[in-house]
Amino acid sequence: MIVLLNRHEAKILEADDFRRLHVSTGLSAESIGDALRKSGIGASYEDDHAVLKVSALRAKASSAATGPDWDAGWEKMITYARSKGWLTNDETGLFAHVEFTIPGVANPRKKD
């Protein structure tokens, strides 16, 4: 599952792939937190990880899903995330790695 994030919205790609989850963005590291909040999909960004709102992610992903056993796949993913400590203490947030997709920039977090 991929969360494609821009300044105003988040789109879910590969909603039926529960074996991976990450945020893909061309935004600068400084802009990600605001974009997560504006899109409604997340709460914060820190140390290359976004905190996604579990309920918002589920709503967006389920509407993009095509597989018949999507609910079961979602529950397995959340159970696995819980076992790895990838949920917030109250289990309303899910940590996801952020992949920067800025063409021609080796490290978008590095300031010139």
PDB file of N, CA and C in Angstrom:
ATOM      1  N   MET A   1       0.849  -1.164   0.000  1.00  0.00           N
ATOM      2  CA  MET A   1       0.000   0.000   0.000  1.00  0.00           C
ATOM      3  C   MET A   1       0.898   1.231   0.000  1.00  0.00           C
ATOM      4  N   ILE A   2       0.563   2.153  -0.866  1.00  0.00           N
ATOM      5  CA  ILE A   2       1.336   3.381  -0.982  1.00  0.00           C
ATOM      6  C   ILE A   2       0.401   4.565  -0.770  1.00  0.00           C
ATOM      7  N   VAL A   3       0.821   5.485   0.069  1.00  0.00           N
ATOM      8  CA  VAL A   3       0.099   6.729   0.251  1.00  0.00           C
ATOM      9  C   VAL A   3       0.854   7.775  -0.564  1.00  0.00           C
ATOM     10  N   LEU A   4       0.256   8.225  -1.652  1.00  0.00           N
ATOM     11  CA  LEU A   4       0.857   9.242  -2.502  1.00  0.00           C
ATOM     12  C   LEU A   4       0.394  10.599  -1.986  1.00  0.00           C
ATOM     13  N   LEU A   5       1.338  11.371  -1.454  1.00  0.00           N
ATOM     14  CA  LEU A   5       1.012  12.609  -0.752  1.00  0.00           C
ATOM     15  C   LEU A   5       1.501  13.826  -1.523  1.00  0.00           C
ATOM     16  N   ASN A   6       0.589  14.789  -1.733  1.00  0.00           N
ATOM     17  CA  ASN A   6       0.998  16.095  -2.235  1.00  0.00           C
ATOM     18  C   ASN A   6       0.543  17.145  -1.226  1.00  0.00           C
ATOM     19  N   ARG A   7       0.611  18.400  -1.576  1.00  0.00           N
ATOM     20  CA  ARG A   7       0.298  19.464  -0.603  1.00  0.00           C
ATOM     21  C   ARG A   7      -1.145  19.441  -0.105  1.00  0.00           C
ATOM     22  N   HIS A   8      -2.074  18.932  -0.916  1.00  0.00           N
ATOM     23  CA  HIS A   8      -3.487  19.067  -0.583  1.00  0.00           C
ATOM     24  C   HIS A   8      -4.248  17.762  -0.411  1.00  0.00           C
ATOM     25  N   GLU A   9      -3.671  16.656  -0.860  1.00  0.00           N
ATOM     26  CA  GLU A   9      -4.416  15.402  -0.780  1.00  0.00           C
ATOM     27  C   GLU A   9      -3.492  14.206  -0.683  1.00  0.00           C
ATOM     28  N   ALA A  10      -4.090  13.109  -0.300  1.00  0.00           N
ATOM     29  CA  ALA A  10      -3.396  11.825  -0.259  1.00  0.00           C
ATOM     30  C   ALA A  10      -4.221  10.831  -1.068  1.00  0.00           C
ATOM     31  N   LYS A  11      -3.547  10.106  -1.939  1.00  0.00           N
ATOM     32  CA  LYS A  11      -4.194   9.060  -2.727  1.00  0.00           C
ATOM     33  C   LYS A  11      -3.586   7.727  -2.324  1.00  0.00           C
ATOM     34  N   ILE A  12      -4.399   6.699  -2.373  1.00  0.00           N
ATOM     35  CA  ILE A  12      -3.925   5.366  -2.038  1.00  0.00           C
ATOM     36  C   ILE A  12      -3.694   4.587  -3.320  1.00  0.00           C
ATOM     37  N   LEU A  13      -2.496   4.041  -3.456  1.00  0.00           N
ATOM     38  CA  LEU A  13      -2.156   3.171  -4.565  1.00  0.00           C
ATOM     39  C   LEU A  13      -1.917   1.766  -4.017  1.00  0.00           C
ATOM     40  N   GLU A  14      -2.226   0.768  -4.813  1.00  0.00           N
ATOM     41  CA  GLU A  14      -2.004  -0.627  -4.422  1.00  0.00           C
ATOM     42  C   GLU A  14      -2.658  -0.936  -3.072  1.00  0.00           C
ATOM     43  N   ALA A  15      -3.922  -0.589  -2.970  1.00  0.00           N
ATOM     44  CA  ALA A  15      -4.668  -0.729  -1.710  1.00  0.00           C
ATOM     45  C   ALA A  15      -4.806  -2.175  -1.245  1.00  0.00           C
ATOM     46  N   ASP A  16      -4.593  -3.116  -2.142  1.00  0.00           N
ATOM     47  CA  ASP A  16      -4.710  -4.529  -1.769  1.00  0.00           C
ATOM     48  C   ASP A  16      -3.378  -5.152  -1.377  1.00  0.00           C
ATOM     49  N   ASP A  17      -2.308  -4.392  -1.414  1.00  0.00           N
ATOM     50  CA  ASP A  17      -0.990  -4.906  -1.052  1.00  0.00           C
ATOM     51  C   ASP A  17      -0.715  -4.579   0.412  1.00  0.00           C
ATOM     52  N   PHE A  18      -0.912  -5.572   1.261  1.00  0.00           N
ATOM     53  CA  PHE A  18      -0.748  -5.387   2.707  1.00  0.00           C
ATOM     54  C   PHE A  18       0.650  -5.747   3.188  1.00  0.00           C
ATOM     55  N   ARG A  19       1.529  -6.146   2.282  1.00  0.00           N
ATOM     56  CA  ARG A  19       2.875  -6.555   2.674  1.00  0.00           C
ATOM     57  C   ARG A  19       3.820  -5.382   2.840  1.00  0.00           C
ATOM     58  N   ARG A  20       3.383  -4.194   2.409  1.00  0.00           N
ATOM     59  CA  ARG A  20       4.223  -3.017   2.564  1.00  0.00           C
ATOM     60  C   ARG A  20       3.331  -1.786   2.696  1.00  0.00           C
ATOM     61  N   LEU A  21       3.854  -0.799   3.358  1.00  0.00           N
ATOM     62  CA  LEU A  21       3.140   0.466   3.517  1.00  0.00           C
ATOM     63  C   LEU A  21       4.183   1.565   3.594  1.00  0.00           C
ATOM     64  N   HIS A  22       4.034   2.567   2.744  1.00  0.00           N
ATOM     65  CA  HIS A  22       4.893   3.739   2.858  1.00  0.00           C
ATOM     66  C   HIS A  22       4.196   4.943   2.243  1.00  0.00           C
ATOM     67  N   VAL A  23       4.718   6.104   2.587  1.00  0.00           N
ATOM     68  CA  VAL A  23       4.255   7.364   2.020  1.00  0.00           C
ATOM     69  C   VAL A  23       5.260   7.759   0.949  1.00  0.00           C
ATOM     70  N   SER A  24       4.771   8.102  -0.221  1.00  0.00           N
ATOM     71  CA  SER A  24       5.616   8.560  -1.314  1.00  0.00           C
ATOM     72  C   SER A  24       5.255  10.015  -1.599  1.00  0.00           C
ATOM     73  N   THR A  25       6.280  10.874  -1.637  1.00  0.00           N
ATOM     74  CA  THR A  25       6.005  12.294  -1.821  1.00  0.00           C
ATOM     75  C   THR A  25       7.159  13.011  -2.497  1.00  0.00           C
ATOM     76  N   GLY A  26       6.826  14.060  -3.188  1.00  0.00           N
ATOM     77  CA  GLY A  26       7.813  14.959  -3.752  1.00  0.00           C
ATOM     78  C   GLY A  26       7.982  16.205  -2.915  1.00  0.00           C
ATOM     79  N   LEU A  27       7.322  16.253  -1.786  1.00  0.00           N
ATOM     80  CA  LEU A  27       7.400  17.410  -0.890  1.00  0.00           C
ATOM     81  C   LEU A  27       8.710  17.414  -0.117  1.00  0.00           C
ATOM     82  N   SER A  28       9.078  18.579   0.360  1.00  0.00           N
ATOM     83  CA  SER A  28      10.244  18.661   1.251  1.00  0.00           C
ATOM     84  C   SER A  28       9.854  18.104   2.621  1.00  0.00           C
ATOM     85  N   ALA A  29      10.850  17.715   3.370  1.00  0.00           N
ATOM     86  CA  ALA A  29      10.594  17.184   4.711  1.00  0.00           C
ATOM     87  C   ALA A  29       9.839  18.187   5.574  1.00  0.00           C
ATOM     88  N   GLU A  30      10.129  19.468   5.375  1.00  0.00           N
ATOM     89  CA  GLU A  30       9.486  20.514   6.171  1.00  0.00           C
ATOM     90  C   GLU A  30       7.994  20.658   5.868  1.00  0.00           C
ATOM     91  N   SER A  31       7.549  20.196   4.702  1.00  0.00           N
ATOM     92  CA  SER A  31       6.156  20.355   4.280  1.00  0.00           C
ATOM     93  C   SER A  31       5.267  19.151   4.582  1.00  0.00           C
ATOM     94  N   ILE A  32       5.859  18.045   4.930  1.00  0.00           N
ATOM     95  CA  ILE A  32       5.097  16.801   5.050  1.00  0.00           C
ATOM     96  C   ILE A  32       4.071  16.841   6.178  1.00  0.00           C
ATOM     97  N   GLY A  33       4.433  17.316   7.345  1.00  0.00           N
ATOM     98  CA  GLY A  33       3.494  17.354   8.468  1.00  0.00           C
ATOM     99  C   GLY A  33       2.229  18.122   8.130  1.00  0.00           C
ATOM    100  N   ASP A  34       2.404  19.312   7.549  1.00  0.00           N
ATOM    101  CA  ASP A  34       1.236  20.115   7.158  1.00  0.00           C
ATOM    102  C   ASP A  34       0.394  19.392   6.111  1.00  0.00           C
ATOM    103  N   ALA A  35       1.044  18.774   5.133  1.00  0.00           N
ATOM    104  CA  ALA A  35       0.311  18.068   4.079  1.00  0.00           C
ATOM    105  C   ALA A  35      -0.463  16.875   4.643  1.00  0.00           C
ATOM    106  N   LEU A  36       0.123  16.171   5.592  1.00  0.00           N
ATOM    107  CA  LEU A  36      -0.580  15.050   6.225  1.00  0.00           C
ATOM    108  C   LEU A  36      -1.845  15.534   6.919  1.00  0.00           C
ATOM    109  N   ARG A  37      -1.714  16.629   7.647  1.00  0.00           N
ATOM    110  CA  ARG A  37      -2.874  17.165   8.367  1.00  0.00           C
ATOM    111  C   ARG A  37      -3.922  17.733   7.413  1.00  0.00           C
ATOM    112  N   LYS A  38      -3.501  18.494   6.393  1.00  0.00           N
ATOM    113  CA  LYS A  38      -4.453  19.068   5.438  1.00  0.00           C
ATOM    114  C   LYS A  38      -5.223  17.990   4.680  1.00  0.00           C
ATOM    115  N   SER A  39      -4.546  16.917   4.327  1.00  0.00           N
ATOM    116  CA  SER A  39      -5.197  15.837   3.575  1.00  0.00           C
ATOM    117  C   SER A  39      -6.102  14.992   4.464  1.00  0.00           C
ATOM    118  N   GLY A  40      -5.887  15.070   5.780  1.00  0.00           N
ATOM    119  CA  GLY A  40      -6.682  14.280   6.713  1.00  0.00           C
ATOM    120  C   GLY A  40      -6.174  12.868   6.930  1.00  0.00           C
ATOM    121  N   ILE A  41      -5.121  12.472   6.222  1.00  0.00           N
ATOM    122  CA  ILE A  41      -4.629  11.093   6.309  1.00  0.00           C
ATOM    123  C   ILE A  41      -3.662  10.886   7.479  1.00  0.00           C
ATOM    124  N   GLY A  42      -3.061  11.979   7.952  1.00  0.00           N
ATOM    125  CA  GLY A  42      -2.053  11.793   8.982  1.00  0.00           C
ATOM    126  C   GLY A  42      -2.018  12.896  10.006  1.00  0.00           C
ATOM    127  N   ALA A  43      -1.138  12.699  10.978  1.00  0.00           N
ATOM    128  CA  ALA A  43      -1.051  13.626  12.097  1.00  0.00           C
ATOM    129  C   ALA A  43       0.286  14.349  12.166  1.00  0.00           C
ATOM    130  N   SER A  44       1.371  13.639  11.843  1.00  0.00           N
ATOM    131  CA  SER A  44       2.680  14.260  12.008  1.00  0.00           C
ATOM    132  C   SER A  44       3.739  13.534  11.189  1.00  0.00           C
ATOM    133  N   TYR A  45       4.928  14.162  11.146  1.00  0.00           N
ATOM    134  CA  TYR A  45       6.081  13.599  10.457  1.00  0.00           C
ATOM    135  C   TYR A  45       7.319  13.861  11.299  1.00  0.00           C
ATOM    136  N   GLU A  46       8.124  12.811  11.494  1.00  0.00           N
ATOM    137  CA  GLU A  46       9.356  12.955  12.261  1.00  0.00           C
ATOM    138  C   GLU A  46      10.286  11.796  11.934  1.00  0.00           C
ATOM    139  N   ASP A  47      11.563  12.106  11.756  1.00  0.00           N
ATOM    140  CA  ASP A  47      12.589  11.076  11.541  1.00  0.00           C
ATOM    141  C   ASP A  47      12.247  10.124  10.394  1.00  0.00           C
ATOM    142  N   ASP A  48      11.856  10.678   9.261  1.00  0.00           N
ATOM    143  CA  ASP A  48      11.535   9.898   8.053  1.00  0.00           C
ATOM    144  C   ASP A  48      10.307   9.008   8.199  1.00  0.00           C
ATOM    145  N   HIS A  49       9.478   9.254   9.201  1.00  0.00           N
ATOM    146  CA  HIS A  49       8.252   8.474   9.383  1.00  0.00           C
ATOM    147  C   HIS A  49       7.046   9.395   9.550  1.00  0.00           C
ATOM    148  N   ALA A  50       5.994   9.026   8.860  1.00  0.00           N
ATOM    149  CA  ALA A  50       4.718   9.721   9.011  1.00  0.00           C
ATOM    150  C   ALA A  50       3.876   8.939  10.003  1.00  0.00           C
ATOM    151  N   VAL A  51       3.092   9.644  10.786  1.00  0.00           N
ATOM    152  CA  VAL A  51       2.090   8.987  11.615  1.00  0.00           C
ATOM    153  C   VAL A  51       0.766   9.153  10.878  1.00  0.00           C
ATOM    154  N   LEU A  52       0.278   8.035  10.341  1.00  0.00           N
ATOM    155  CA  LEU A  52      -0.979   8.039   9.602  1.00  0.00           C
ATOM    156  C   LEU A  52      -2.127   7.727  10.548  1.00  0.00           C
ATOM    157  N   LYS A  53      -3.258   8.359  10.327  1.00  0.00           N
ATOM    158  CA  LYS A  53      -4.447   8.066  11.129  1.00  0.00           C
ATOM    159  C   LYS A  53      -5.029   6.744  10.630  1.00  0.00           C
ATOM    160  N   VAL A  54      -5.107   5.775  11.521  1.00  0.00           N
ATOM    161  CA  VAL A  54      -5.576   4.442  11.141  1.00  0.00           C
ATOM    162  C   VAL A  54      -6.964   4.508  10.517  1.00  0.00           C
ATOM    163  N   SER A  55      -7.865   5.251  11.121  1.00  0.00           N
ATOM    164  CA  SER A  55      -9.243   5.310  10.604  1.00  0.00           C
ATOM    165  C   SER A  55      -9.304   5.961   9.227  1.00  0.00           C
ATOM    166  N   ALA A  56      -8.538   7.019   9.015  1.00  0.00           N
ATOM    167  CA  ALA A  56      -8.527   7.707   7.718  1.00  0.00           C
ATOM    168  C   ALA A  56      -7.881   6.838   6.644  1.00  0.00           C
ATOM    169  N   LEU A  57      -6.788   6.166   6.999  1.00  0.00           N
ATOM    170  CA  LEU A  57      -6.128   5.271   6.054  1.00  0.00           C
ATOM    171  C   LEU A  57      -7.054   4.136   5.658  1.00  0.00           C
ATOM    172  N   ARG A  58      -7.721   3.553   6.629  1.00  0.00           N
ATOM    173  CA  ARG A  58      -8.643   2.453   6.328  1.00  0.00           C
ATOM    174  C   ARG A  58      -9.771   2.916   5.410  1.00  0.00           C
ATOM    175  N   ALA A  59     -10.340   4.075   5.685  1.00  0.00           N
ATOM    176  CA  ALA A  59     -11.444   4.580   4.864  1.00  0.00           C
ATOM    177  C   ALA A  59     -11.000   4.808   3.424  1.00  0.00           C
ATOM    178  N   LYS A  60      -9.855   5.470   3.238  1.00  0.00           N
ATOM    179  CA  LYS A  60      -9.356   5.742   1.891  1.00  0.00           C
ATOM    180  C   LYS A  60      -8.954   4.462   1.179  1.00  0.00           C
ATOM    181  N   ALA A  61      -8.261   3.590   1.877  1.00  0.00           N
ATOM    182  CA  ALA A  61      -7.770   2.358   1.252  1.00  0.00           C
ATOM    183  C   ALA A  61      -8.908   1.411   0.906  1.00  0.00           C
ATOM    184  N   SER A  62      -9.884   1.293   1.761  1.00  0.00           N
ATOM    185  CA  SER A  62     -10.985   0.364   1.479  1.00  0.00           C
ATOM    186  C   SER A  62     -11.787   0.808   0.265  1.00  0.00           C
ATOM    187  N   SER A  63     -11.883   2.118   0.051  1.00  0.00           N
ATOM    188  CA  SER A  63     -12.612   2.594  -1.124  1.00  0.00           C
ATOM    189  C   SER A  63     -11.817   2.387  -2.409  1.00  0.00           C
ATOM    190  N   ALA A  64     -10.506   2.216  -2.304  1.00  0.00           N
ATOM    191  CA  ALA A  64      -9.662   1.963  -3.472  1.00  0.00           C
ATOM    192  C   ALA A  64      -9.383   0.480  -3.681  1.00  0.00           C
ATOM    193  N   ALA A  65      -9.822  -0.349  -2.755  1.00  0.00           N
ATOM    194  CA  ALA A  65      -9.521  -1.784  -2.799  1.00  0.00           C
ATOM    195  C   ALA A  65     -10.324  -2.501  -3.881  1.00  0.00           C
ATOM    196  N   THR A  66      -9.745  -3.592  -4.363  1.00  0.00           N
ATOM    197  CA  THR A  66     -10.426  -4.418  -5.362  1.00  0.00           C
ATOM    198  C   THR A  66     -10.558  -5.871  -4.930  1.00  0.00           C
ATOM    199  N   GLY A  67      -9.806  -6.281  -3.934  1.00  0.00           N
ATOM    200  CA  GLY A  67      -9.806  -7.686  -3.510  1.00  0.00           C
ATOM    201  C   GLY A  67     -10.992  -8.044  -2.640  1.00  0.00           C
ATOM    202  N   PRO A  68     -11.447  -9.291  -2.751  1.00  0.00           N
ATOM    203  CA  PRO A  68     -12.620  -9.727  -1.984  1.00  0.00           C
ATOM    204  C   PRO A  68     -12.352  -9.916  -0.488  1.00  0.00           C
ATOM    205  N   ASP A  69     -11.108 -10.162  -0.114  1.00  0.00           N
ATOM    206  CA  ASP A  69     -10.771 -10.404   1.289  1.00  0.00           C
ATOM    207  C   ASP A  69     -10.044  -9.207   1.899  1.00  0.00           C
ATOM    208  N   TRP A  70     -10.429  -8.018   1.476  1.00  0.00           N
ATOM    209  CA  TRP A  70      -9.709  -6.831   1.898  1.00  0.00           C
ATOM    210  C   TRP A  70      -9.744  -6.646   3.415  1.00  0.00           C
ATOM    211  N   ASP A  71     -10.891  -6.807   4.033  1.00  0.00           N
ATOM    212  CA  ASP A  71     -10.997  -6.600   5.486  1.00  0.00           C
ATOM    213  C   ASP A  71     -10.066  -7.525   6.263  1.00  0.00           C
ATOM    214  N   ALA A  72      -9.980  -8.772   5.830  1.00  0.00           N
ATOM    215  CA  ALA A  72      -9.095  -9.731   6.500  1.00  0.00           C
ATOM    216  C   ALA A  72      -7.637  -9.322   6.317  1.00  0.00           C
ATOM    217  N   GLY A  73      -7.277  -8.869   5.130  1.00  0.00           N
ATOM    218  CA  GLY A  73      -5.919  -8.406   4.873  1.00  0.00           C
ATOM    219  C   GLY A  73      -5.567  -7.195   5.716  1.00  0.00           C
ATOM    220  N   TRP A  74      -6.512  -6.281   5.840  1.00  0.00           N
ATOM    221  CA  TRP A  74      -6.299  -5.088   6.675  1.00  0.00           C
ATOM    222  C   TRP A  74      -6.031  -5.495   8.123  1.00  0.00           C
ATOM    223  N   GLU A  75      -6.868  -6.378   8.654  1.00  0.00           N
ATOM    224  CA  GLU A  75      -6.703  -6.804  10.049  1.00  0.00           C
ATOM    225  C   GLU A  75      -5.356  -7.486  10.265  1.00  0.00           C
ATOM    226  N   LYS A  76      -4.904  -8.286   9.316  1.00  0.00           N
ATOM    227  CA  LYS A  76      -3.587  -8.924   9.436  1.00  0.00           C
ATOM    228  C   LYS A  76      -2.477  -7.876   9.435  1.00  0.00           C
ATOM    229  N   MET A  77      -2.606  -6.867   8.582  1.00  0.00           N
ATOM    230  CA  MET A  77      -1.601  -5.820   8.527  1.00  0.00           C
ATOM    231  C   MET A  77      -1.529  -5.062   9.853  1.00  0.00           C
ATOM    232  N   ILE A  78      -2.678  -4.728  10.413  1.00  0.00           N
ATOM    233  CA  ILE A  78      -2.712  -3.990  11.684  1.00  0.00           C
ATOM    234  C   ILE A  78      -2.171  -4.860  12.821  1.00  0.00           C
ATOM    235  N   THR A  79      -2.498  -6.128  12.825  1.00  0.00           N
ATOM    236  CA  THR A  79      -1.978  -7.047  13.843  1.00  0.00           C
ATOM    237  C   THR A  79      -0.460  -7.137  13.756  1.00  0.00           C
ATOM    238  N   TYR A  80       0.051  -7.227  12.536  1.00  0.00           N
ATOM    239  CA  TYR A  80       1.499  -7.274  12.341  1.00  0.00           C
ATOM    240  C   TYR A  80       2.149  -5.962  12.797  1.00  0.00           C
ATOM    241  N   ALA A  81       1.561  -4.846  12.430  1.00  0.00           N
ATOM    242  CA  ALA A  81       2.081  -3.547  12.846  1.00  0.00           C
ATOM    243  C   ALA A  81       2.108  -3.436  14.367  1.00  0.00           C
ATOM    244  N   ARG A  82       1.072  -3.911  15.009  1.00  0.00           N
ATOM    245  CA  ARG A  82       1.010  -3.896  16.477  1.00  0.00           C
ATOM    246  C   ARG A  82       2.160  -4.715  17.059  1.00  0.00           C
ATOM    247  N   SER A  83       2.422  -5.892  16.487  1.00  0.00           N
ATOM    248  CA  SER A  83       3.473  -6.768  17.003  1.00  0.00           C
ATOM    249  C   SER A  83       4.863  -6.162  16.834  1.00  0.00           C
ATOM    250  N   LYS A  84       5.020  -5.273  15.877  1.00  0.00           N
ATOM    251  CA  LYS A  84       6.309  -4.620  15.617  1.00  0.00           C
ATOM    252  C   LYS A  84       6.447  -3.266  16.316  1.00  0.00           C
ATOM    253  N   GLY A  85       5.383  -2.824  16.991  1.00  0.00           N
ATOM    254  CA  GLY A  85       5.428  -1.533  17.665  1.00  0.00           C
ATOM    255  C   GLY A  85       5.239  -0.362  16.723  1.00  0.00           C
ATOM    256  N   TRP A  86       4.584  -0.584  15.598  1.00  0.00           N
ATOM    257  CA  TRP A  86       4.391   0.451  14.584  1.00  0.00           C
ATOM    258  C   TRP A  86       3.076   1.200  14.742  1.00  0.00           C
ATOM    259  N   LEU A  87       2.364   0.945  15.829  1.00  0.00           N
ATOM    260  CA  LEU A  87       1.156   1.707  16.141  1.00  0.00           C
ATOM    261  C   LEU A  87       1.473   2.652  17.303  1.00  0.00           C
ATOM    262  N   THR A  88       0.787   3.779  17.350  1.00  0.00           N
ATOM    263  CA  THR A  88       0.938   4.670  18.497  1.00  0.00           C
ATOM    264  C   THR A  88       0.359   3.981  19.733  1.00  0.00           C
ATOM    265  N   ASN A  89       0.663   4.493  20.903  1.00  0.00           N
ATOM    266  CA  ASN A  89       0.194   3.866  22.151  1.00  0.00           C
ATOM    267  C   ASN A  89      -1.325   3.703  22.194  1.00  0.00           C
ATOM    268  N   ASP A  90      -2.049   4.677  21.659  1.00  0.00           N
ATOM    269  CA  ASP A  90      -3.515   4.578  21.671  1.00  0.00           C
ATOM    270  C   ASP A  90      -4.067   3.850  20.444  1.00  0.00           C
ATOM    271  N   GLU A  91      -3.165   3.380  19.576  1.00  0.00           N
ATOM    272  CA  GLU A  91      -3.493   2.609  18.376  1.00  0.00           C
ATOM    273  C   GLU A  91      -4.347   3.373  17.356  1.00  0.00           C
ATOM    274  N   THR A  92      -4.336   4.689  17.427  1.00  0.00           N
ATOM    275  CA  THR A  92      -5.040   5.482  16.421  1.00  0.00           C
ATOM    276  C   THR A  92      -4.103   5.928  15.307  1.00  0.00           C
ATOM    277  N   GLY A  93      -2.796   5.761  15.521  1.00  0.00           N
ATOM    278  CA  GLY A  93      -1.803   6.160  14.533  1.00  0.00           C
ATOM    279  C   GLY A  93      -0.932   4.992  14.126  1.00  0.00           C
ATOM    280  N   LEU A  94      -0.511   4.999  12.865  1.00  0.00           N
ATOM    281  CA  LEU A  94       0.326   3.945  12.301  1.00  0.00           C
ATOM    282  C   LEU A  94       1.563   4.603  11.693  1.00  0.00           C
ATOM    283  N   PHE A  95       2.744   4.176  12.112  1.00  0.00           N
ATOM    284  CA  PHE A  95       3.981   4.734  11.588  1.00  0.00           C
ATOM    285  C   PHE A  95       4.254   4.162  10.203  1.00  0.00           C
ATOM    286  N   ALA A  96       4.580   5.036   9.259  1.00  0.00           N
ATOM    287  CA  ALA A  96       4.903   4.613   7.898  1.00  0.00           C
ATOM    288  C   ALA A  96       6.147   5.354   7.430  1.00  0.00           C
ATOM    289  N   HIS A  97       7.043   4.631   6.812  1.00  0.00           N
ATOM    290  CA  HIS A  97       8.260   5.226   6.263  1.00  0.00           C
ATOM    291  C   HIS A  97       7.889   6.169   5.118  1.00  0.00           C
ATOM    292  N   VAL A  98       8.633   7.253   4.990  1.00  0.00           N
ATOM    293  CA  VAL A  98       8.415   8.208   3.908  1.00  0.00           C
ATOM    294  C   VAL A  98       9.525   8.051   2.877  1.00  0.00           C
ATOM    295  N   GLU A  99       9.114   7.853   1.621  1.00  0.00           N
ATOM    296  CA  GLU A  99      10.056   7.790   0.510  1.00  0.00           C
ATOM    297  C   GLU A  99       9.931   9.082  -0.282  1.00  0.00           C
ATOM    298  N   PHE A 100      11.052   9.760  -0.446  1.00  0.00           N
ATOM    299  CA  PHE A 100      11.066  11.018  -1.180  1.00  0.00           C
ATOM    300  C   PHE A 100      11.271  10.739  -2.659  1.00  0.00           C
ATOM    301  N   THR A 101      10.446  11.347  -3.480  1.00  0.00           N
ATOM    302  CA  THR A 101      10.467  11.070  -4.913  1.00  0.00           C
ATOM    303  C   THR A 101      10.688  12.349  -5.710  1.00  0.00           C
ATOM    304  N   ILE A 102      11.723  13.064  -5.354  1.00  0.00           N
ATOM    305  CA  ILE A 102      12.050  14.288  -6.070  1.00  0.00           C
ATOM    306  C   ILE A 102      13.115  13.947  -7.114  1.00  0.00           C
ATOM    307  N   PRO A 103      12.760  14.013  -8.381  1.00  0.00           N
ATOM    308  CA  PRO A 103      13.726  13.652  -9.430  1.00  0.00           C
ATOM    309  C   PRO A 103      14.979  14.521  -9.365  1.00  0.00           C
ATOM    310  N   GLY A 104      16.131  13.855  -9.459  1.00  0.00           N
ATOM    311  CA  GLY A 104      17.393  14.578  -9.513  1.00  0.00           C
ATOM    312  C   GLY A 104      17.924  15.062  -8.183  1.00  0.00           C
ATOM    313  N   VAL A 105      17.258  14.718  -7.087  1.00  0.00           N
ATOM    314  CA  VAL A 105      17.714  15.136  -5.765  1.00  0.00           C
ATOM    315  C   VAL A 105      18.059  13.889  -4.965  1.00  0.00           C
ATOM    316  N   ALA A 106      19.337  13.776  -4.587  1.00  0.00           N
ATOM    317  CA  ALA A 106      19.781  12.586  -3.871  1.00  0.00           C
ATOM    318  C   ALA A 106      19.250  12.527  -2.455  1.00  0.00           C
ATOM    319  N   ASN A 107      19.220  13.657  -1.765  1.00  0.00           N
ATOM    320  CA  ASN A 107      18.743  13.686  -0.378  1.00  0.00           C
ATOM    321  C   ASN A 107      17.955  14.963  -0.162  1.00  0.00           C
ATOM    322  N   PRO A 108      16.629  14.894  -0.303  1.00  0.00           N
ATOM    323  CA  PRO A 108      15.837  16.126  -0.173  1.00  0.00           C
ATOM    324  C   PRO A 108      15.811  16.694   1.236  1.00  0.00           C
ATOM    325  N   ARG A 109      16.263  15.945   2.228  1.00  0.00           N
ATOM    326  CA  ARG A 109      16.277  16.439   3.601  1.00  0.00           C
ATOM    327  C   ARG A 109      17.511  17.297   3.864  1.00  0.00           C
ATOM    328  N   LYS A 110      18.524  17.166   3.010  1.00  0.00           N
ATOM    329  CA  LYS A 110      19.758  17.921   3.186  1.00  0.00           C
ATOM    330  C   LYS A 110      19.559  19.359   2.704  1.00  0.00           C
ATOM    331  N   LYS A 111      19.929  20.299   3.541  1.00  0.00           N
ATOM    332  CA  LYS A 111      19.803  21.717   3.168  1.00  0.00           C
ATOM    333  C   LYS A 111      21.112  22.186   2.562  1.00  0.00           C
ATOM    334  N   ASP A 112      20.991  23.004   1.515  1.00  0.00           N
ATOM    335  CA  ASP A 112      22.194  23.544   0.868  1.00  0.00           C
ATOM    336  C   ASP A 112      22.773  24.679   1.671  1.00  0.00           C
TER     337      ASP A 112
END
